[in-house]
Amino acid sequence: MRILLTNDDGIHAPGLRALRDALTKLGDVTMIAPATEQSGVGLSITYLHPLMVNREFREGKLFGHAVHGSPADCVKVGILQLCDERPDLVVSGINSGSNAGINVLYSGTVAGAIEGAFFGVTSIAVSLSQDELPDYEAAAERAVELIDELLALDPPTGSLWNLNLPATRPGWPLGLKLVPLGVRRHSEVMEKRTDPRGRPYYWSGINHLKQHEMDPETDLHELAEGYATLTPLHFDITATSLLNDARYQSLGQAEEPPAADD
């Protein structure tokens, strides 16, 4: 199996290295990751200036490609230029912190997986909830076990999955829950502060779990309870029900042209 691995925390992130080592059990891994951290960039791509790529070496061997761009850039340039053959699987992670609920819309980690799915390649985003001492190696081993189990079910080619692992605690994860996203927020946080020169600046709230309603049987709730969560996603954001309603009501339908005079 040919695997393209990316992330949004950058090519030197410990989660990326741990996942690369674990994924070698499944196949050949090509690592193409941002040169610097790209958290929260979503599906942004580079097109106003050239996309630069450097080869990174460790102990005289190629470690990976460092892309001066976003995770989506990494996957795009990887599939179109850098991979010798089209990958069979795209994996993005391990992210430092969960990507659950509506945070998947902002996540660079999830965006890397979405870009893979754009190309028709089965893609999986992997994130680890943070605690004081995250164990990336153990998380990577568990993630690869779950990825292997998922692939054994022969999911549709080009399908898109979001995998979150709970914080590193004894006995966690308690198991795996296949659940939808939790998409309700109960608060927005934007803190105003003043710098030493009296100028205002602002910090956006980053405690994503506490900003969400913990609806039962959603990724947010089950993750907080100590379960790993797996959510199938799709990138077609068409509101199909509204589209069908509008069609039913003839909204936007062209009127019949008037009959020509004899």
C-alpha atoms as a PDB file:
ATOM      1  CA  MET A   1       0.000   0.000   0.000  1.00  0.00           C
ATOM      2  CA  ARG A   2       1.239   3.483  -0.889  1.00  0.00           C
ATOM      3  CA  ILE A   3       0.513   6.039   1.834  1.00  0.00           C
ATOM      4  CA  LEU A   4       0.859   9.817   1.663  1.00  0.00           C
ATOM      5  CA  LEU A   5       1.247  11.287   5.165  1.00  0.00           C
ATOM      6  CA  THR A   6       0.781  14.961   6.013  1.00  0.00           C
ATOM      7  CA  ASN A   7      -0.249  17.122   8.983  1.00  0.00           C
ATOM      8  CA  ASP A   8      -0.777  20.753   9.989  1.00  0.00           C
ATOM      9  CA  ASP A   9       1.631  20.965  12.943  1.00  0.00           C
ATOM     10  CA  GLY A  10       4.657  20.931  10.661  1.00  0.00           C
ATOM     11  CA  ILE A  11       7.201  18.398   9.503  1.00  0.00           C
ATOM     12  CA  HIS A  12       9.056  18.393  12.825  1.00  0.00           C
ATOM     13  CA  ALA A  13       5.967  17.641  14.954  1.00  0.00           C
ATOM     14  CA  PRO A  14       6.262  14.560  17.221  1.00  0.00           C
ATOM     15  CA  GLY A  15       2.804  13.313  16.234  1.00  0.00           C
ATOM     16  CA  LEU A  16       3.778  13.181  12.574  1.00  0.00           C
ATOM     17  CA  ARG A  17       6.942  11.241  13.254  1.00  0.00           C
ATOM     18  CA  ALA A  18       5.142   8.745  15.506  1.00  0.00           C
ATOM     19  CA  LEU A  19       2.415   8.159  12.935  1.00  0.00           C
ATOM     20  CA  ARG A  20       4.938   7.698  10.144  1.00  0.00           C
ATOM     21  CA  ASP A  21       6.730   4.990  12.133  1.00  0.00           C
ATOM     22  CA  ALA A  22       3.472   3.185  12.908  1.00  0.00           C
ATOM     23  CA  LEU A  23       2.109   3.422   9.356  1.00  0.00           C
ATOM     24  CA  THR A  24       5.108   1.563   7.943  1.00  0.00           C
ATOM     25  CA  LYS A  25       3.315  -1.600   9.152  1.00  0.00           C
ATOM     26  CA  LEU A  26       0.655  -0.966   6.504  1.00  0.00           C
ATOM     27  CA  GLY A  27       2.807   0.078   3.557  1.00  0.00           C
ATOM     28  CA  ASP A  28       5.288   2.518   2.067  1.00  0.00           C
ATOM     29  CA  VAL A  29       4.960   5.991   3.572  1.00  0.00           C
ATOM     30  CA  THR A  30       5.798   9.232   1.767  1.00  0.00           C
ATOM     31  CA  MET A  31       5.807  12.145   4.191  1.00  0.00           C
ATOM     32  CA  ILE A  32       4.913  15.562   2.749  1.00  0.00           C
ATOM     33  CA  ALA A  33       4.171  18.117   5.450  1.00  0.00           C
ATOM     34  CA  PRO A  34       4.208  21.881   5.995  1.00  0.00           C
ATOM     35  CA  ALA A  35       7.574  23.455   6.732  1.00  0.00           C
ATOM     36  CA  THR A  36       5.959  25.433   9.592  1.00  0.00           C
ATOM     37  CA  GLU A  37       2.830  25.039  11.689  1.00  0.00           C
ATOM     38  CA  GLN A  38      -0.396  25.574   9.750  1.00  0.00           C
ATOM     39  CA  SER A  39      -3.040  25.025  12.431  1.00  0.00           C
ATOM     40  CA  GLY A  40      -6.434  26.528  11.666  1.00  0.00           C
ATOM     41  CA  VAL A  41      -5.765  27.292   8.009  1.00  0.00           C
ATOM     42  CA  GLY A  42      -8.569  25.043   6.784  1.00  0.00           C
ATOM     43  CA  LEU A  43      -8.577  24.359   3.047  1.00  0.00           C
ATOM     44  CA  SER A  44      -6.432  27.327   2.074  1.00  0.00           C
ATOM     45  CA  ILE A  45      -4.085  26.820  -0.882  1.00  0.00           C
ATOM     46  CA  THR A  46      -1.130  28.741  -2.259  1.00  0.00           C
ATOM     47  CA  TYR A  47      -1.605  30.310  -5.673  1.00  0.00           C
ATOM     48  CA  LEU A  48      -0.398  33.926  -5.459  1.00  0.00           C
ATOM     49  CA  HIS A  49       3.273  32.918  -5.271  1.00  0.00           C
ATOM     50  CA  PRO A  50       5.367  29.826  -6.077  1.00  0.00           C
ATOM     51  CA  LEU A  51       5.077  26.825  -3.794  1.00  0.00           C
ATOM     52  CA  MET A  52       8.534  25.954  -2.484  1.00  0.00           C
ATOM     53  CA  VAL A  53       9.445  22.425  -1.368  1.00  0.00           C
ATOM     54  CA  ASN A  54      12.577  21.332   0.498  1.00  0.00           C
ATOM     55  CA  ARG A  55      13.774  17.770   1.045  1.00  0.00           C
ATOM     56  CA  GLU A  56      14.490  16.983   4.703  1.00  0.00           C
ATOM     57  CA  PHE A  57      17.134  14.419   5.647  1.00  0.00           C
ATOM     58  CA  ARG A  58      17.763  12.559   8.912  1.00  0.00           C
ATOM     59  CA  GLU A  59      20.925  10.508   9.396  1.00  0.00           C
ATOM     60  CA  GLY A  60      21.668  10.714   5.700  1.00  0.00           C
ATOM     61  CA  LYS A  61      18.259   9.384   4.634  1.00  0.00           C
ATOM     62  CA  LEU A  62      15.300  11.224   3.153  1.00  0.00           C
ATOM     63  CA  PHE A  63      12.929  12.036   6.007  1.00  0.00           C
ATOM     64  CA  GLY A  64      10.242  13.847   4.041  1.00  0.00           C
ATOM     65  CA  HIS A  65       9.330  16.879   1.967  1.00  0.00           C
ATOM     66  CA  ALA A  66       8.807  20.220   3.718  1.00  0.00           C
ATOM     67  CA  VAL A  67       6.292  22.348   1.833  1.00  0.00           C
ATOM     68  CA  HIS A  68       6.100  26.097   2.386  1.00  0.00           C
ATOM     69  CA  GLY A  69       2.332  26.044   2.274  1.00  0.00           C
ATOM     70  CA  SER A  70      -0.794  24.523   3.767  1.00  0.00           C
ATOM     71  CA  PRO A  71      -1.736  20.868   4.354  1.00  0.00           C
ATOM     72  CA  ALA A  72      -3.951  21.022   1.260  1.00  0.00           C
ATOM     73  CA  ASP A  73      -0.925  22.268  -0.694  1.00  0.00           C
ATOM     74  CA  CYS A  74       1.075  19.313   0.621  1.00  0.00           C
ATOM     75  CA  VAL A  75      -1.413  16.733  -0.593  1.00  0.00           C
ATOM     76  CA  LYS A  76      -1.960  18.475  -3.916  1.00  0.00           C
ATOM     77  CA  VAL A  77       1.723  18.784  -4.769  1.00  0.00           C
ATOM     78  CA  GLY A  78       2.327  15.307  -3.391  1.00  0.00           C
ATOM     79  CA  ILE A  79      -0.202  13.590  -5.633  1.00  0.00           C
ATOM     80  CA  LEU A  80       0.529  15.707  -8.711  1.00  0.00           C
ATOM     81  CA  GLN A  81       4.320  15.975  -8.486  1.00  0.00           C
ATOM     82  CA  LEU A  82       6.191  14.321  -5.634  1.00  0.00           C
ATOM     83  CA  CYS A  83       4.778  10.805  -5.268  1.00  0.00           C
ATOM     84  CA  ASP A  84       6.256   8.244  -7.659  1.00  0.00           C
ATOM     85  CA  GLU A  85       2.835   6.605  -7.896  1.00  0.00           C
ATOM     86  CA  ARG A  86      -0.662   7.699  -6.906  1.00  0.00           C
ATOM     87  CA  PRO A  87      -1.202   6.909  -3.206  1.00  0.00           C
ATOM     88  CA  ASP A  88      -3.759   4.351  -2.081  1.00  0.00           C
ATOM     89  CA  LEU A  89      -4.328   6.182   1.201  1.00  0.00           C
ATOM     90  CA  VAL A  90      -3.871   9.702   2.536  1.00  0.00           C
ATOM     91  CA  VAL A  91      -3.423  10.128   6.294  1.00  0.00           C
ATOM     92  CA  SER A  92      -3.229  13.519   8.019  1.00  0.00           C
ATOM     93  CA  GLY A  93      -1.968  13.779  11.606  1.00  0.00           C
ATOM     94  CA  ILE A  94      -1.427  13.101  14.409  1.00  0.00           C
ATOM     95  CA  ASN A  95      -2.727  16.543  15.281  1.00  0.00           C
ATOM     96  CA  SER A  96      -1.799  18.018  18.650  1.00  0.00           C
ATOM     97  CA  GLY A  97      -5.330  18.501  19.981  1.00  0.00           C
ATOM     98  CA  SER A  98      -8.711  17.127  18.965  1.00  0.00           C
ATOM     99  CA  ASN A  99     -10.504  18.074  15.765  1.00  0.00           C
ATOM    100  CA  ALA A 100     -14.099  17.419  16.722  1.00  0.00           C
ATOM    101  CA  GLY A 101     -17.415  19.169  16.150  1.00  0.00           C
ATOM    102  CA  ILE A 102     -17.481  22.150  13.835  1.00  0.00           C
ATOM    103  CA  ASN A 103     -13.745  22.627  14.357  1.00  0.00           C
ATOM    104  CA  VAL A 104     -13.289  20.268  11.415  1.00  0.00           C
ATOM    105  CA  LEU A 105     -14.237  23.254   9.225  1.00  0.00           C
ATOM    106  CA  TYR A 106     -11.197  25.198  10.436  1.00  0.00           C
ATOM    107  CA  SER A 107      -8.768  22.326  10.833  1.00  0.00           C
ATOM    108  CA  GLY A 108      -5.704  22.115   8.643  1.00  0.00           C
ATOM    109  CA  THR A 109      -5.397  18.456   9.630  1.00  0.00           C
ATOM    110  CA  VAL A 110      -8.856  17.609   8.324  1.00  0.00           C
ATOM    111  CA  ALA A 111      -8.212  19.781   5.255  1.00  0.00           C
ATOM    112  CA  GLY A 112      -5.251  17.585   4.332  1.00  0.00           C
ATOM    113  CA  ALA A 113      -7.557  14.568   4.355  1.00  0.00           C
ATOM    114  CA  ILE A 114     -10.246  16.435   2.410  1.00  0.00           C
ATOM    115  CA  GLU A 115      -7.737  17.270  -0.315  1.00  0.00           C
ATOM    116  CA  GLY A 116      -6.913  13.593  -0.602  1.00  0.00           C
ATOM    117  CA  ALA A 117     -10.604  12.764  -0.954  1.00  0.00           C
ATOM    118  CA  PHE A 118     -10.868  15.447  -3.672  1.00  0.00           C
ATOM    119  CA  PHE A 119      -8.452  13.301  -5.667  1.00  0.00           C
ATOM    120  CA  GLY A 120     -10.543  10.181  -5.093  1.00  0.00           C
ATOM    121  CA  VAL A 121      -8.132   8.685  -2.551  1.00  0.00           C
ATOM    122  CA  THR A 122      -9.447   7.222   0.705  1.00  0.00           C
ATOM    123  CA  SER A 123      -8.346   9.703   3.375  1.00  0.00           C
ATOM    124  CA  ILE A 124      -8.245   9.782   7.170  1.00  0.00           C
ATOM    125  CA  ALA A 125      -7.551  12.663   9.575  1.00  0.00           C
ATOM    126  CA  VAL A 126      -6.101  11.654  12.963  1.00  0.00           C
ATOM    127  CA  SER A 127      -6.085  13.866  16.062  1.00  0.00           C
ATOM    128  CA  LEU A 128      -5.170  13.388  19.727  1.00  0.00           C
ATOM    129  CA  SER A 129      -6.871  15.287  22.545  1.00  0.00           C
ATOM    130  CA  GLN A 130      -4.257  17.028  24.623  1.00  0.00           C
ATOM    131  CA  ASP A 131      -3.297  16.304  28.199  1.00  0.00           C
ATOM    132  CA  GLU A 132      -0.203  17.169  30.175  1.00  0.00           C
ATOM    133  CA  LEU A 133       1.863  14.319  28.719  1.00  0.00           C
ATOM    134  CA  PRO A 134       0.509  13.195  25.348  1.00  0.00           C
ATOM    135  CA  ASP A 135       1.795   9.780  24.294  1.00  0.00           C
ATOM    136  CA  TYR A 136       2.078  10.100  20.530  1.00  0.00           C
ATOM    137  CA  GLU A 137       3.692   6.703  20.067  1.00  0.00           C
ATOM    138  CA  ALA A 138       0.836   4.873  21.820  1.00  0.00           C
ATOM    139  CA  ALA A 139      -1.726   7.025  20.005  1.00  0.00           C
ATOM    140  CA  ALA A 140      -0.085   6.245  16.664  1.00  0.00           C
ATOM    141  CA  GLU A 141      -0.151   2.513  17.325  1.00  0.00           C
ATOM    142  CA  ARG A 142      -3.834   2.642  18.260  1.00  0.00           C
ATOM    143  CA  ALA A 143      -4.670   4.870  15.294  1.00  0.00           C
ATOM    144  CA  VAL A 144      -2.996   2.492  12.849  1.00  0.00           C
ATOM    145  CA  GLU A 145      -4.871  -0.465  14.371  1.00  0.00           C
ATOM    146  CA  LEU A 146      -8.144   1.375  13.801  1.00  0.00           C
ATOM    147  CA  ILE A 147      -7.142   2.441  10.280  1.00  0.00           C
ATOM    148  CA  ASP A 148      -6.294  -1.168   9.466  1.00  0.00           C
ATOM    149  CA  GLU A 149      -9.687  -2.316  10.796  1.00  0.00           C
ATOM    150  CA  LEU A 150     -11.455   0.367   8.742  1.00  0.00           C
ATOM    151  CA  LEU A 151      -9.628  -0.567   5.539  1.00  0.00           C
ATOM    152  CA  ALA A 152     -10.486  -4.236   6.131  1.00  0.00           C
ATOM    153  CA  LEU A 153     -14.155  -3.229   5.787  1.00  0.00           C
ATOM    154  CA  ASP A 154     -13.354  -2.045   2.239  1.00  0.00           C
ATOM    155  CA  PRO A 155     -14.792   1.480   2.497  1.00  0.00           C
ATOM    156  CA  PRO A 156     -15.635   3.242  -0.772  1.00  0.00           C
ATOM    157  CA  THR A 157     -12.584   4.531  -2.611  1.00  0.00           C
ATOM    158  CA  GLY A 158     -12.256   8.239  -1.955  1.00  0.00           C
ATOM    159  CA  SER A 159     -14.187   8.130   1.316  1.00  0.00           C
ATOM    160  CA  LEU A 160     -13.249  10.625   4.029  1.00  0.00           C
ATOM    161  CA  TRP A 161     -12.917   9.861   7.746  1.00  0.00           C
ATOM    162  CA  ASN A 162     -12.186  11.843  10.896  1.00  0.00           C
ATOM    163  CA  LEU A 163     -10.564   9.897  13.745  1.00  0.00           C
ATOM    164  CA  ASN A 164     -10.093  11.425  17.196  1.00  0.00           C
ATOM    165  CA  LEU A 165      -8.306   9.785  20.112  1.00  0.00           C
ATOM    166  CA  PRO A 166      -9.006  10.815  23.716  1.00  0.00           C
ATOM    167  CA  ALA A 167      -6.399  12.311  26.012  1.00  0.00           C
ATOM    168  CA  THR A 168      -3.567  10.089  27.240  1.00  0.00           C
ATOM    169  CA  ARG A 169      -4.920   8.549  30.452  1.00  0.00           C
ATOM    170  CA  PRO A 170      -4.731   5.053  31.962  1.00  0.00           C
ATOM    171  CA  GLY A 171      -7.228   2.745  30.271  1.00  0.00           C
ATOM    172  CA  TRP A 172      -8.179   5.207  27.537  1.00  0.00           C
ATOM    173  CA  PRO A 173      -9.429   4.839  24.871  1.00  0.00           C
ATOM    174  CA  LEU A 174     -12.281   2.777  26.311  1.00  0.00           C
ATOM    175  CA  GLY A 175     -13.247   1.716  22.801  1.00  0.00           C
ATOM    176  CA  LEU A 176     -14.303   3.178  19.477  1.00  0.00           C
ATOM    177  CA  LYS A 177     -17.585   5.005  18.784  1.00  0.00           C
ATOM    178  CA  LEU A 178     -18.842   5.677  15.257  1.00  0.00           C
ATOM    179  CA  VAL A 179     -20.635   8.986  15.769  1.00  0.00           C
ATOM    180  CA  PRO A 180     -21.694  12.219  14.018  1.00  0.00           C
ATOM    181  CA  LEU A 181     -20.106  15.599  14.628  1.00  0.00           C
ATOM    182  CA  GLY A 182     -21.336  17.711  17.517  1.00  0.00           C
ATOM    183  CA  VAL A 183     -22.146  20.999  15.800  1.00  0.00           C
ATOM    184  CA  ARG A 184     -23.779  23.160  18.464  1.00  0.00           C
ATOM    185  CA  ARG A 185     -21.829  25.926  20.137  1.00  0.00           C
ATOM    186  CA  HIS A 186     -22.966  27.515  23.364  1.00  0.00           C
ATOM    187  CA  SER A 187     -20.352  30.265  23.563  1.00  0.00           C
ATOM    188  CA  GLU A 188     -17.913  32.294  21.528  1.00  0.00           C
ATOM    189  CA  VAL A 189     -14.763  33.614  23.122  1.00  0.00           C
ATOM    190  CA  MET A 190     -12.768  36.597  21.902  1.00  0.00           C
ATOM    191  CA  GLU A 191     -10.712  38.149  24.692  1.00  0.00           C
ATOM    192  CA  LYS A 192      -9.587  41.766  24.436  1.00  0.00           C
ATOM    193  CA  ARG A 193      -6.240  42.708  25.985  1.00  0.00           C
ATOM    194  CA  THR A 194      -3.981  45.769  25.955  1.00  0.00           C
ATOM    195  CA  ASP A 195      -0.317  45.749  24.999  1.00  0.00           C
ATOM    196  CA  PRO A 196       2.365  47.774  26.888  1.00  0.00           C
ATOM    197  CA  ARG A 197       1.804  50.715  24.543  1.00  0.00           C
ATOM    198  CA  GLY A 198      -1.902  50.842  25.262  1.00  0.00           C
ATOM    199  CA  ARG A 199      -3.011  49.309  21.989  1.00  0.00           C
ATOM    200  CA  PRO A 200      -5.801  46.716  21.994  1.00  0.00           C
ATOM    201  CA  TYR A 201      -5.304  43.212  20.681  1.00  0.00           C
ATOM    202  CA  TYR A 202      -7.471  40.107  20.716  1.00  0.00           C
ATOM    203  CA  TRP A 203      -7.143  36.397  21.472  1.00  0.00           C
ATOM    204  CA  SER A 204      -9.635  33.960  19.989  1.00  0.00           C
ATOM    205  CA  GLY A 205     -10.835  31.277  22.412  1.00  0.00           C
ATOM    206  CA  ILE A 206      -9.017  27.984  21.917  1.00  0.00           C
ATOM    207  CA  ASN A 207     -10.748  25.665  24.406  1.00  0.00           C
ATOM    208  CA  HIS A 208     -12.895  24.082  21.713  1.00  0.00           C
ATOM    209  CA  LEU A 209     -14.535  21.420  23.869  1.00  0.00           C
ATOM    210  CA  LYS A 210     -15.783  23.896  26.467  1.00  0.00           C
ATOM    211  CA  GLN A 211     -17.241  26.100  23.733  1.00  0.00           C
ATOM    212  CA  HIS A 212     -19.515  23.300  22.491  1.00  0.00           C
ATOM    213  CA  GLU A 213     -22.709  21.706  23.744  1.00  0.00           C
ATOM    214  CA  MET A 214     -21.914  18.125  24.710  1.00  0.00           C
ATOM    215  CA  ASP A 215     -24.825  16.459  22.943  1.00  0.00           C
ATOM    216  CA  PRO A 216     -24.917  12.712  23.699  1.00  0.00           C
ATOM    217  CA  GLU A 217     -23.727  10.319  21.004  1.00  0.00           C
ATOM    218  CA  THR A 218     -21.636  12.939  19.212  1.00  0.00           C
ATOM    219  CA  ASP A 219     -17.876  13.007  18.762  1.00  0.00           C
ATOM    220  CA  LEU A 220     -17.432  15.762  21.341  1.00  0.00           C
ATOM    221  CA  HIS A 221     -19.324  13.916  24.060  1.00  0.00           C
ATOM    222  CA  GLU A 222     -17.844  10.475  23.480  1.00  0.00           C
ATOM    223  CA  LEU A 223     -14.312  11.854  23.178  1.00  0.00           C
ATOM    224  CA  ALA A 224     -14.666  13.603  26.539  1.00  0.00           C
ATOM    225  CA  GLU A 225     -15.888  10.303  28.027  1.00  0.00           C
ATOM    226  CA  GLY A 226     -12.693   8.547  26.954  1.00  0.00           C
ATOM    227  CA  TYR A 227     -13.681   6.916  23.673  1.00  0.00           C
ATOM    228  CA  ALA A 228     -11.973   7.169  20.322  1.00  0.00           C
ATOM    229  CA  THR A 229     -14.405   8.548  17.763  1.00  0.00           C
ATOM    230  CA  LEU A 230     -14.695   7.954  14.038  1.00  0.00           C
ATOM    231  CA  THR A 231     -16.884  10.133  11.818  1.00  0.00           C
ATOM    232  CA  PRO A 232     -17.409   9.742   8.065  1.00  0.00           C
ATOM    233  CA  LEU A 233     -17.360  13.117   6.311  1.00  0.00           C
ATOM    234  CA  HIS A 234     -18.056  14.443   2.833  1.00  0.00           C
ATOM    235  CA  PHE A 235     -16.991  17.659   1.169  1.00  0.00           C
ATOM    236  CA  ASP A 236     -20.126  18.309  -0.886  1.00  0.00           C
ATOM    237  CA  ILE A 237     -21.673  21.022   1.280  1.00  0.00           C
ATOM    238  CA  THR A 238     -24.789  21.407  -0.851  1.00  0.00           C
ATOM    239  CA  ALA A 239     -27.901  21.710   1.353  1.00  0.00           C
ATOM    240  CA  THR A 240     -29.770  19.070  -0.619  1.00  0.00           C
ATOM    241  CA  SER A 241     -33.054  19.350   1.288  1.00  0.00           C
ATOM    242  CA  LEU A 242     -33.204  23.122   0.717  1.00  0.00           C
ATOM    243  CA  LEU A 243     -32.279  22.645  -2.921  1.00  0.00           C
ATOM    244  CA  ASN A 244     -35.085  20.144  -3.412  1.00  0.00           C
ATOM    245  CA  ASP A 245     -37.563  22.392  -1.561  1.00  0.00           C
ATOM    246  CA  ALA A 246     -36.633  25.341  -3.754  1.00  0.00           C
ATOM    247  CA  ARG A 247     -37.038  23.245  -6.873  1.00  0.00           C
ATOM    248  CA  TYR A 248     -40.420  22.025  -5.644  1.00  0.00           C
ATOM    249  CA  GLN A 249     -41.496  25.629  -5.193  1.00  0.00           C
ATOM    250  CA  SER A 250     -40.197  26.451  -8.688  1.00  0.00           C
ATOM    251  CA  LEU A 251     -37.729  28.967  -7.267  1.00  0.00           C
ATOM    252  CA  GLY A 252     -35.281  29.951  -9.957  1.00  0.00           C
ATOM    253  CA  GLN A 253     -37.138  28.127 -12.720  1.00  0.00           C
ATOM    254  CA  ALA A 254     -37.180  30.010 -15.984  1.00  0.00           C
ATOM    255  CA  GLU A 255     -40.564  31.160 -17.144  1.00  0.00           C
ATOM    256  CA  GLU A 256     -41.888  30.036 -20.495  1.00  0.00           C
ATOM    257  CA  PRO A 257     -41.066  32.667 -23.131  1.00  0.00           C
ATOM    258  CA  PRO A 258     -44.097  34.456 -24.577  1.00  0.00           C
ATOM    259  CA  ALA A 259     -45.398  33.079 -27.831  1.00  0.00           C
ATOM    260  CA  ALA A 260     -44.197  34.920 -30.902  1.00  0.00           C
ATOM    261  CA  ASP A 261     -46.802  37.034 -32.679  1.00  0.00           C
ATOM    262  CA  ASP A 262     -48.019  35.651 -35.994  1.00  0.00           C
END
